[in-house]
Protein backbone atom coordinates (compact mmCIF):
# COMPACT_ATOMS: atom_id res chain seq x y z
CA UNK A 1 21.50 52.80 -63.20
CA UNK A 2 22.94 49.72 -64.92
CA UNK A 3 23.87 48.23 -61.55
CA UNK A 4 20.34 48.94 -60.23
CA UNK A 5 18.79 47.24 -63.26
CA UNK A 6 21.08 44.21 -62.86
CA UNK A 7 20.17 43.99 -59.19
CA UNK A 8 16.47 43.95 -60.05
CA UNK A 9 17.03 41.12 -62.53
CA UNK A 10 18.95 39.14 -59.92
CA UNK A 11 16.14 39.61 -57.40
CA UNK A 12 13.53 38.56 -59.97
CA UNK A 13 15.48 35.42 -60.83
CA UNK A 14 15.91 34.59 -57.17
CA UNK A 15 12.20 35.01 -56.52
CA UNK A 16 11.39 32.83 -59.52
CA UNK A 17 13.68 30.12 -58.20
CA UNK A 18 11.87 30.16 -54.85
CA UNK A 19 8.41 29.99 -56.43
CA UNK A 20 9.39 27.46 -59.08
CA UNK A 21 11.74 24.83 -57.61
CA UNK A 22 13.81 22.64 -59.90
CA UNK A 23 11.32 19.74 -59.79
CA UNK A 24 8.72 21.89 -61.53
CA UNK A 25 10.89 22.28 -64.61
CA UNK A 26 11.83 18.64 -65.21
CA UNK A 27 10.88 17.19 -68.58
CA UNK A 28 7.20 16.22 -68.89
CA UNK A 29 5.94 12.73 -69.65
CA UNK A 30 4.24 12.10 -73.01
CA UNK A 31 0.52 11.35 -72.96
CA UNK A 32 0.31 7.55 -72.65
CA UNK A 33 -1.84 4.96 -74.38
CA UNK A 34 -2.86 2.33 -71.85
CA UNK A 35 -4.94 -0.83 -71.62
CA UNK A 36 -8.51 0.11 -70.77
CA UNK A 37 -8.27 -1.75 -67.44
CA UNK A 38 -5.57 0.69 -66.32
CA UNK A 39 -7.97 3.63 -66.45
CA UNK A 40 -11.46 2.15 -65.93
CA UNK A 41 -13.16 -0.85 -64.34
CA UNK A 42 -13.16 -3.93 -66.54
CA UNK A 43 -16.95 -4.21 -66.25
CA UNK A 44 -17.20 -0.94 -68.20
CA UNK A 45 -14.97 -2.07 -71.05
CA UNK A 46 -17.12 -4.78 -72.58
CA UNK A 47 -20.73 -5.88 -72.36
CA UNK A 48 -23.58 -7.34 -74.41
CA UNK A 49 -24.21 -4.00 -76.09
CA UNK A 50 -20.71 -2.54 -76.41
CA UNK A 51 -16.96 -2.72 -76.22
CA UNK A 52 -14.40 0.01 -75.60
CA UNK A 53 -11.70 0.43 -78.23
CA UNK A 54 -8.18 -0.45 -77.06
CA UNK A 55 -5.78 1.03 -76.16
CA UNK A 56 -7.12 4.11 -74.37
CA UNK A 57 -5.26 7.37 -74.84
CA UNK A 58 -4.89 9.55 -71.75
CA UNK A 59 -5.07 13.29 -72.34
CA UNK A 60 -5.40 15.92 -69.67
CA UNK A 61 -5.28 13.12 -67.06
CA UNK A 62 -8.57 11.64 -68.28
CA UNK A 63 -9.08 8.67 -70.57
CA UNK A 64 -10.46 9.34 -74.04
CA UNK A 65 -12.80 6.40 -74.53
CA UNK A 66 -14.49 5.22 -77.71
CA UNK A 67 -17.55 3.12 -76.91
CA UNK A 68 -18.32 0.95 -79.93
CA UNK A 69 -21.98 -0.08 -80.02
CA UNK A 70 -24.66 -0.95 -82.54
CA UNK A 71 -26.12 2.48 -81.84
CA UNK A 72 -22.96 4.22 -83.01
CA UNK A 73 -19.61 5.22 -81.52
CA UNK A 74 -19.68 7.36 -78.37
CA UNK A 75 -16.43 9.25 -77.80
CA UNK A 76 -16.28 10.42 -74.20
CA UNK A 77 -13.71 11.86 -71.82
CA UNK A 78 -13.29 10.34 -68.37
CA UNK A 79 -14.21 7.02 -66.73
CA UNK A 80 -17.00 8.85 -64.88
CA UNK A 81 -18.84 9.71 -68.10
CA UNK A 82 -17.93 6.29 -69.56
CA UNK A 83 -19.87 4.59 -66.73
CA UNK A 84 -22.96 6.68 -67.42
CA UNK A 85 -22.92 6.15 -71.19
CA UNK A 86 -22.45 2.37 -70.77
CA UNK A 87 -25.46 2.20 -68.47
CA UNK A 88 -27.54 4.31 -70.86
CA UNK A 89 -27.04 1.79 -73.69
CA UNK A 90 -29.60 -0.50 -72.06
CA UNK A 91 -32.16 2.32 -72.01
CA UNK A 92 -31.53 2.99 -75.71
CA UNK A 93 -32.04 -0.69 -76.45
CA UNK A 94 -35.35 -0.72 -74.59
CA UNK A 95 -36.63 2.41 -76.30
CA UNK A 96 -35.71 1.05 -79.72
CA UNK A 97 -37.90 -1.96 -78.97
CA UNK A 98 -40.72 0.44 -78.22
CA UNK A 99 -40.71 1.92 -81.72
CA UNK A 100 -41.71 -1.49 -83.11
CA UNK A 101 -44.97 -1.36 -81.14
CA UNK A 102 -47.83 -0.25 -83.37
CA UNK A 103 -49.65 1.24 -80.39
CA UNK A 104 -46.64 3.45 -79.80
CA UNK A 105 -46.37 4.67 -83.39
CA UNK A 106 -50.10 5.38 -83.45
CA UNK A 107 -49.77 7.41 -80.25
CA UNK A 108 -46.71 9.26 -81.52
CA UNK A 109 -48.52 10.17 -84.75
CA UNK A 110 -50.96 12.22 -82.63
CA UNK A 111 -48.12 14.35 -81.28
CA UNK A 112 -46.50 17.32 -82.94
CA UNK A 113 -43.24 15.41 -83.16
CA UNK A 114 -44.64 12.64 -85.31
CA UNK A 115 -43.26 9.25 -86.27
CA UNK A 116 -40.57 10.73 -88.50
CA UNK A 117 -39.02 12.54 -85.56
CA UNK A 118 -38.71 9.32 -83.60
CA UNK A 119 -37.28 7.34 -86.50
CA UNK A 120 -34.69 10.02 -87.19
CA UNK A 121 -33.40 9.77 -83.65
CA UNK A 122 -32.57 6.07 -83.93
CA UNK A 123 -29.03 5.14 -84.98
CA UNK A 124 -28.39 1.96 -86.94
CA UNK A 125 -24.83 2.53 -88.12
CA UNK A 126 -22.32 1.16 -85.55
CA UNK A 127 -19.48 2.97 -87.33
CA UNK A 128 -21.10 6.37 -87.09
CA UNK A 129 -19.70 8.73 -84.44
CA UNK A 130 -22.72 9.90 -82.46
CA UNK A 131 -20.84 11.72 -79.71
CA UNK A 132 -17.54 13.57 -79.85
CA UNK A 133 -15.25 14.96 -77.19
CA UNK A 134 -15.61 18.74 -77.13
CA UNK A 135 -12.78 20.90 -78.46
CA UNK A 136 -12.72 22.85 -75.21
CA UNK A 137 -12.53 19.82 -72.90
CA UNK A 138 -8.85 20.38 -72.13
CA UNK A 139 -7.17 19.39 -68.90
CA UNK A 140 -9.03 19.40 -65.59
CA UNK A 141 -5.95 20.52 -63.66
CA UNK A 142 -5.27 23.48 -65.90
CA UNK A 143 -2.73 26.23 -65.57
CA UNK A 144 -3.62 29.39 -63.65
CA UNK A 145 -6.17 31.55 -65.43
CA UNK A 146 -7.70 28.83 -67.59
CA UNK A 147 -10.91 28.52 -65.62
CA UNK A 148 -11.01 32.24 -64.84
CA UNK A 149 -11.18 32.99 -68.57
CA UNK A 150 -14.05 30.54 -68.93
CA UNK A 151 -16.05 32.44 -66.33
CA UNK A 152 -15.31 35.95 -67.60
CA UNK A 153 -18.67 36.46 -69.32
CA UNK A 154 -20.52 35.33 -66.19
CA UNK A 155 -18.56 37.68 -63.94
CA UNK A 156 -19.32 40.59 -66.24
CA UNK A 157 -23.02 39.84 -66.50
CA UNK A 158 -24.07 42.19 -63.71
CA UNK A 159 -27.30 43.23 -65.40
CA UNK A 160 -28.96 39.82 -65.29
CA UNK A 161 -31.44 39.52 -62.41
CA UNK A 162 -33.62 36.76 -61.03
CA UNK A 163 -36.69 38.56 -62.38
CA UNK A 164 -35.54 38.23 -65.98
CA UNK A 165 -35.55 35.12 -68.11
CA UNK A 166 -32.68 36.26 -70.35
CA UNK A 167 -29.92 33.67 -70.09
CA UNK A 168 -26.30 34.54 -69.56
CA UNK A 169 -24.12 34.13 -72.66
CA UNK A 170 -22.25 30.87 -73.11
CA UNK A 171 -19.08 30.95 -71.06
CA UNK A 172 -16.93 29.14 -73.60
CA UNK A 173 -17.22 27.13 -76.78
CA UNK A 174 -16.60 23.52 -75.80
CA UNK A 175 -17.43 22.01 -79.15
CA UNK A 176 -20.25 20.06 -77.47
CA UNK A 177 -23.94 20.91 -78.00
CA UNK A 178 -25.35 22.49 -74.87
CA UNK A 179 -28.08 20.62 -73.00
CA UNK A 180 -31.56 22.05 -73.59
CA UNK A 181 -33.42 24.03 -70.99
CA UNK A 182 -35.91 22.09 -68.90
CA UNK A 183 -37.44 24.99 -66.96
CA UNK A 184 -41.19 24.85 -66.53
CA UNK A 185 -43.71 22.15 -67.36
CA UNK A 186 -46.94 23.90 -68.40
CA UNK A 187 -48.67 20.90 -69.99
CA UNK A 188 -47.17 17.85 -68.35
CA UNK A 189 -44.80 16.82 -71.17
CA UNK A 190 -41.77 16.83 -68.85
CA UNK A 191 -43.72 14.74 -66.35
CA UNK A 192 -44.09 12.03 -69.01
CA UNK A 193 -40.38 12.34 -69.79
CA UNK A 194 -39.50 11.85 -66.12
CA UNK A 195 -41.77 8.79 -65.92
CA UNK A 196 -39.92 7.17 -68.82
CA UNK A 197 -36.57 8.07 -67.28
CA UNK A 198 -37.60 6.53 -63.97
CA UNK A 199 -38.76 3.32 -65.62
CA UNK A 200 -35.47 3.15 -67.55
CA UNK A 201 -33.40 4.14 -64.50
CA UNK A 202 -31.67 7.04 -66.25
CA UNK A 203 -31.26 10.78 -65.76
CA UNK A 204 -34.23 12.56 -67.40
CA UNK A 205 -31.91 15.45 -68.28
CA UNK A 206 -29.18 13.35 -69.87
CA UNK A 207 -26.96 14.91 -72.54
CA UNK A 208 -26.66 11.56 -74.36
CA UNK A 209 -27.17 12.49 -78.05
CA UNK A 210 -28.94 9.21 -78.86
CA UNK A 211 -30.96 8.65 -75.69
CA UNK A 212 -32.18 12.21 -75.32
CA UNK A 213 -34.23 12.35 -78.55
CA UNK A 214 -35.58 8.87 -77.86
CA UNK A 215 -36.81 10.08 -74.46
CA UNK A 216 -38.32 13.14 -76.14
CA UNK A 217 -40.31 11.02 -78.56
CA UNK A 218 -41.40 8.57 -75.90
CA UNK A 219 -42.64 11.46 -73.77
CA UNK A 220 -44.49 12.89 -76.79
CA UNK A 221 -46.29 9.59 -77.38
CA UNK A 222 -47.29 9.35 -73.74
CA UNK A 223 -48.32 12.98 -73.38
CA UNK A 224 -50.14 13.46 -76.70
CA UNK A 225 -51.25 9.93 -77.42
CA UNK A 226 -51.89 8.47 -73.96
CA UNK A 227 -49.34 5.73 -74.52
CA UNK A 228 -48.75 4.20 -71.09
CA UNK A 229 -45.15 3.78 -69.99
CA UNK A 230 -45.96 0.54 -68.17
CA UNK A 231 -47.19 -1.18 -71.32
CA UNK A 232 -43.80 -1.80 -72.78
CA UNK A 233 -40.89 -1.40 -70.43
CA UNK A 234 -39.97 -4.28 -68.20
CA UNK A 235 -37.36 -4.26 -65.46
CA UNK A 236 -34.21 -2.56 -66.65
CA UNK A 237 -30.86 -3.65 -65.26
CA UNK A 238 -29.39 -1.83 -62.28
CA UNK A 239 -27.11 1.08 -63.16
CA UNK A 240 -23.40 0.48 -63.70
CA UNK A 241 -21.43 2.38 -61.07
CA UNK A 242 -24.23 4.93 -60.89
CA UNK A 243 -22.67 6.23 -57.66
CA UNK A 244 -20.13 7.97 -59.89
CA UNK A 245 -22.81 10.45 -60.69
CA UNK A 246 -25.97 10.79 -58.67
CA UNK A 247 -27.11 9.27 -55.40
CA UNK A 248 -30.50 7.76 -54.67
CA UNK A 249 -31.97 10.85 -53.07
CA UNK A 250 -31.09 13.00 -56.08
CA UNK A 251 -32.48 10.47 -58.54
CA UNK A 252 -35.79 10.20 -56.67
CA UNK A 253 -36.07 13.97 -56.61
CA UNK A 254 -35.48 14.54 -60.33
CA UNK A 255 -37.75 11.62 -61.30
CA UNK A 256 -40.69 12.72 -59.15
CA UNK A 257 -40.57 16.51 -59.18
CA UNK A 258 -40.76 19.15 -61.94
CA UNK A 259 -37.44 20.72 -62.90
CA UNK A 260 -38.43 24.08 -61.44
CA UNK A 261 -39.17 22.49 -58.04
CA UNK A 262 -35.82 20.68 -58.03
CA UNK A 263 -34.07 23.96 -58.80
CA UNK A 264 -35.96 25.79 -56.04
CA UNK A 265 -34.93 23.12 -53.55
CA UNK A 266 -31.33 23.43 -54.72
CA UNK A 267 -31.45 27.20 -54.34
CA UNK A 268 -32.78 26.86 -50.79
CA UNK A 269 -30.14 24.26 -49.88
CA UNK A 270 -27.27 26.37 -51.26
CA UNK A 271 -28.55 29.48 -49.49
CA UNK A 272 -28.56 27.53 -46.21
CA UNK A 273 -24.88 26.79 -46.84
CA UNK A 274 -24.16 30.53 -47.11
CA UNK A 275 -24.09 30.90 -50.88
CA UNK A 276 -25.35 34.24 -52.18
CA UNK A 277 -28.41 34.48 -54.42
CA UNK A 278 -26.53 35.99 -57.35
CA UNK A 279 -24.02 33.15 -57.36
CA UNK A 280 -26.86 30.60 -57.34
CA UNK A 281 -28.58 32.35 -60.25
CA UNK A 282 -25.34 32.28 -62.24
CA UNK A 283 -25.12 28.55 -61.58
CA UNK A 284 -28.71 28.01 -62.73
CA UNK A 285 -28.03 29.88 -65.97
CA UNK A 286 -25.21 27.46 -66.81
CA UNK A 287 -26.96 24.86 -69.01
CA UNK A 288 -24.36 22.21 -68.17
CA UNK A 289 -25.76 22.29 -64.63
CA UNK A 290 -29.07 20.61 -65.37
CA UNK A 291 -31.55 20.23 -62.50
CA UNK A 292 -30.00 16.83 -61.72
CA UNK A 293 -26.47 18.18 -61.64
CA UNK A 294 -27.50 21.17 -59.54
CA UNK A 295 -29.12 18.87 -57.00
CA UNK A 296 -26.01 16.69 -56.96
CA UNK A 297 -23.76 19.69 -56.34
CA UNK A 298 -25.85 20.85 -53.39
CA UNK A 299 -25.82 17.30 -51.97
CA UNK A 300 -22.03 17.16 -52.24
CA UNK A 301 -21.68 20.51 -50.45
CA UNK A 302 -24.25 19.58 -47.80
CA UNK A 303 -22.10 16.56 -46.94
CA UNK A 304 -19.28 18.99 -46.16
CA UNK A 305 -21.53 21.29 -44.09
CA UNK A 306 -21.60 25.05 -43.97
CA UNK A 307 -18.14 26.55 -43.86
CA UNK A 308 -16.09 29.39 -45.25
CA UNK A 309 -15.38 29.03 -48.97
CA UNK A 310 -18.69 27.51 -50.14
CA UNK A 311 -19.25 30.54 -52.34
CA UNK A 312 -15.97 29.96 -54.18
CA UNK A 313 -16.98 26.40 -55.08
CA UNK A 314 -20.35 27.43 -56.53
CA UNK A 315 -18.75 30.32 -58.43
CA UNK A 316 -16.29 27.88 -60.00
CA UNK A 317 -19.19 25.56 -60.86
CA UNK A 318 -21.10 28.40 -62.52
CA UNK A 319 -18.11 28.98 -64.80
CA UNK A 320 -17.52 25.34 -65.68
CA UNK A 321 -18.35 24.19 -69.22
CA UNK A 322 -18.57 20.70 -70.67
CA UNK A 323 -19.93 17.49 -69.19
CA UNK A 324 -16.56 15.89 -68.43
CA UNK A 325 -15.36 18.94 -66.45
CA UNK A 326 -18.66 19.18 -64.56
CA UNK A 327 -18.44 15.53 -63.59
CA UNK A 328 -14.82 15.96 -62.59
CA UNK A 329 -15.85 18.69 -60.14
CA UNK A 330 -18.72 16.64 -58.68
CA UNK A 331 -16.65 13.52 -58.15
CA UNK A 332 -13.75 15.55 -56.70
CA UNK A 333 -16.16 17.12 -54.21
CA UNK A 334 -17.49 13.66 -53.29
CA UNK A 335 -13.96 12.50 -52.45
CA UNK A 336 -13.31 15.64 -50.44
CA UNK A 337 -16.56 15.16 -48.50
CA UNK A 338 -15.68 11.53 -47.72
CA UNK A 339 -12.30 12.61 -46.35
CA UNK A 340 -13.95 15.38 -44.33
CA UNK A 341 -16.36 12.90 -42.71
CA UNK A 342 -14.00 9.98 -42.15
CA UNK A 343 -10.43 11.28 -41.92
CA UNK A 344 -10.41 14.85 -40.62
CA UNK A 345 -12.68 17.87 -40.56
CA UNK A 346 -12.03 20.94 -42.70
CA UNK A 347 -12.33 24.48 -41.42
CA UNK A 348 -12.80 26.05 -44.86
CA UNK A 349 -12.85 25.35 -48.57
CA UNK A 350 -11.10 27.00 -51.48
CA UNK A 351 -10.80 26.39 -55.21
CA UNK A 352 -7.56 26.09 -57.13
CA UNK A 353 -8.92 26.57 -60.64
CA UNK A 354 -11.24 23.54 -61.02
CA UNK A 355 -9.74 21.57 -58.10
CA UNK A 356 -11.60 21.75 -54.74
CA UNK A 357 -9.39 22.01 -51.66
CA UNK A 358 -10.17 21.50 -47.99
CA UNK A 359 -8.13 23.41 -45.39
CA UNK A 360 -7.95 22.04 -41.86
CA UNK A 361 -7.77 24.15 -38.70
CA UNK A 362 -4.00 23.61 -38.50
CA UNK A 363 -3.53 24.90 -42.05
CA UNK A 364 -2.91 21.53 -43.73
CA UNK A 365 -4.57 21.16 -47.12
CA UNK A 366 -6.27 18.28 -48.91
CA UNK A 367 -6.92 18.58 -52.64
CA UNK A 368 -9.16 16.12 -54.53
CA UNK A 369 -8.80 15.33 -58.23
CA UNK A 370 -11.15 12.91 -60.01
CA UNK A 371 -8.64 12.00 -62.71
CA UNK A 372 -8.27 8.60 -64.34
CA UNK A 373 -4.49 8.48 -64.73
CA UNK A 374 -2.15 11.26 -63.65
CA UNK A 375 1.05 11.92 -65.54
CA UNK A 376 3.79 14.45 -64.93
CA UNK A 377 3.13 17.22 -67.45
CA UNK A 378 3.24 21.01 -67.44
CA UNK A 379 -0.20 21.29 -65.84
CA UNK A 380 0.68 18.81 -63.08
CA UNK A 381 3.89 20.70 -62.35
CA UNK A 382 2.05 24.02 -62.26
CA UNK A 383 -0.60 22.54 -59.95
CA UNK A 384 2.00 21.05 -57.59
CA UNK A 385 3.61 24.44 -57.03
CA UNK A 386 0.58 26.76 -56.82
CA UNK A 387 0.89 29.44 -54.15
CA UNK A 388 -2.65 28.93 -52.83
CA UNK A 389 -1.79 25.29 -52.08
CA UNK A 390 1.30 26.03 -50.02
CA UNK A 391 1.19 24.32 -46.60
CA UNK A 392 3.38 22.26 -44.25
CA UNK A 393 1.21 19.21 -44.87
CA UNK A 394 -0.44 18.53 -48.23
CA UNK A 395 -2.50 15.53 -49.32
CA UNK A 396 -3.67 14.80 -52.83
CA UNK A 397 -6.71 12.50 -53.21
CA UNK A 398 -6.79 10.82 -56.62
CA UNK A 399 -9.80 8.92 -57.98
CA UNK A 400 -7.78 6.76 -60.38
CA UNK A 401 -4.04 6.14 -60.53
CA UNK A 402 -0.88 8.17 -61.14
CA UNK A 403 2.23 7.17 -63.03
CA UNK A 404 5.35 6.27 -60.99
CA UNK A 405 7.01 9.40 -62.32
CA UNK A 406 4.09 11.65 -61.35
CA UNK A 407 3.94 10.14 -57.86
CA UNK A 408 7.70 10.69 -57.41
CA UNK A 409 7.56 14.30 -58.56
CA UNK A 410 4.50 15.12 -56.46
CA UNK A 411 6.12 13.66 -53.36
CA UNK A 412 9.28 15.68 -54.06
CA UNK A 413 7.03 18.74 -54.17
CA UNK A 414 5.71 17.91 -50.70
CA UNK A 415 2.48 16.09 -51.57
CA UNK A 416 1.27 12.88 -49.92
CA UNK A 417 -0.51 11.04 -52.75
CA UNK A 418 -3.51 8.79 -51.98
CA UNK A 419 -4.62 7.14 -55.23
CA UNK A 420 -7.20 4.57 -56.31
CA UNK A 421 -10.08 6.08 -54.34
CA UNK A 422 -12.77 5.61 -56.98
CA UNK A 423 -15.19 2.95 -55.78
């Protein structure tokens, strides 16, 4: 009996050695603090309305940026979200000019929101933190099971049906306030909001904690007080790296159509790609997937074309919480689609936690990660050796850069690393 037990232990250890080669257990790198230019474009680091605090700490392979502005300090995770928040500063500046217009305040006074609501939304303290990185942001690579736990409440919500309006429970506490629901537009208020967003060249469903209430008040003044958008807003500067987020077709759609119509179009597009209705409804109940983000996801998947594994991507999206993680998934899918169209076609898709993976007909795999700066840590080591990523040929597409150590370890693990792909 003792010999049998010892033999089992020996076999277990041998199996562990095969699944976890020595490179996976080497000492991890500490989270670095880097010059901002090492993790984001220099044009994003300083402008007439802001500067980014230096140095930038990298955690979970994404930069943790503090945008210092006269509207307050925005703390965001990831260069993708940094680009959006920097662009949105110009819209905040324009809307703050609006509140000085007596015609605007008179119009706003006729609305239920009132002048006080608009004034309360304006921030004048540049030292005040107006946006914080959520407690649940975590790493985007993640060890096995991390994303699955996030989606547990969605998977168990079998009673929710399309005919009901009861939302699914929040999948996980991220520490960030959830975006509001924008379903329906019975009186035209959301139409006014979209008109302002279009004039300002921003997402009408933005989660920006300063811009969002300003848009709300502007829409109230227009809707209730007949305050014309065209009276005040001139030409707003072109977006900064807006391609990080949403393409022109998506922007035009969300600016010109009610939220419910955008969502219906998304549902139809995903169904055409082979995604089941229940999975789509779970996605639409996730408040982080606003109408704009839903439309962007379907556009990313349409660029890949219908293939096996689409369902797994949308299921992962439905379970994803927090703006930084959502944007990571969208940008990763954009890189995967570009590779599919230009470098080599995929036969099917799969998800490895939050990382989308394309599998070619010959079995080779391509994984895409929209990280800012990859280091060799426990999550990177776990990712490099995941069973579902095993293949004779493996390519890793990286939006930003990786440390020399991370590149060396990934190559030892059999990965070909292609970094610096973010445009």
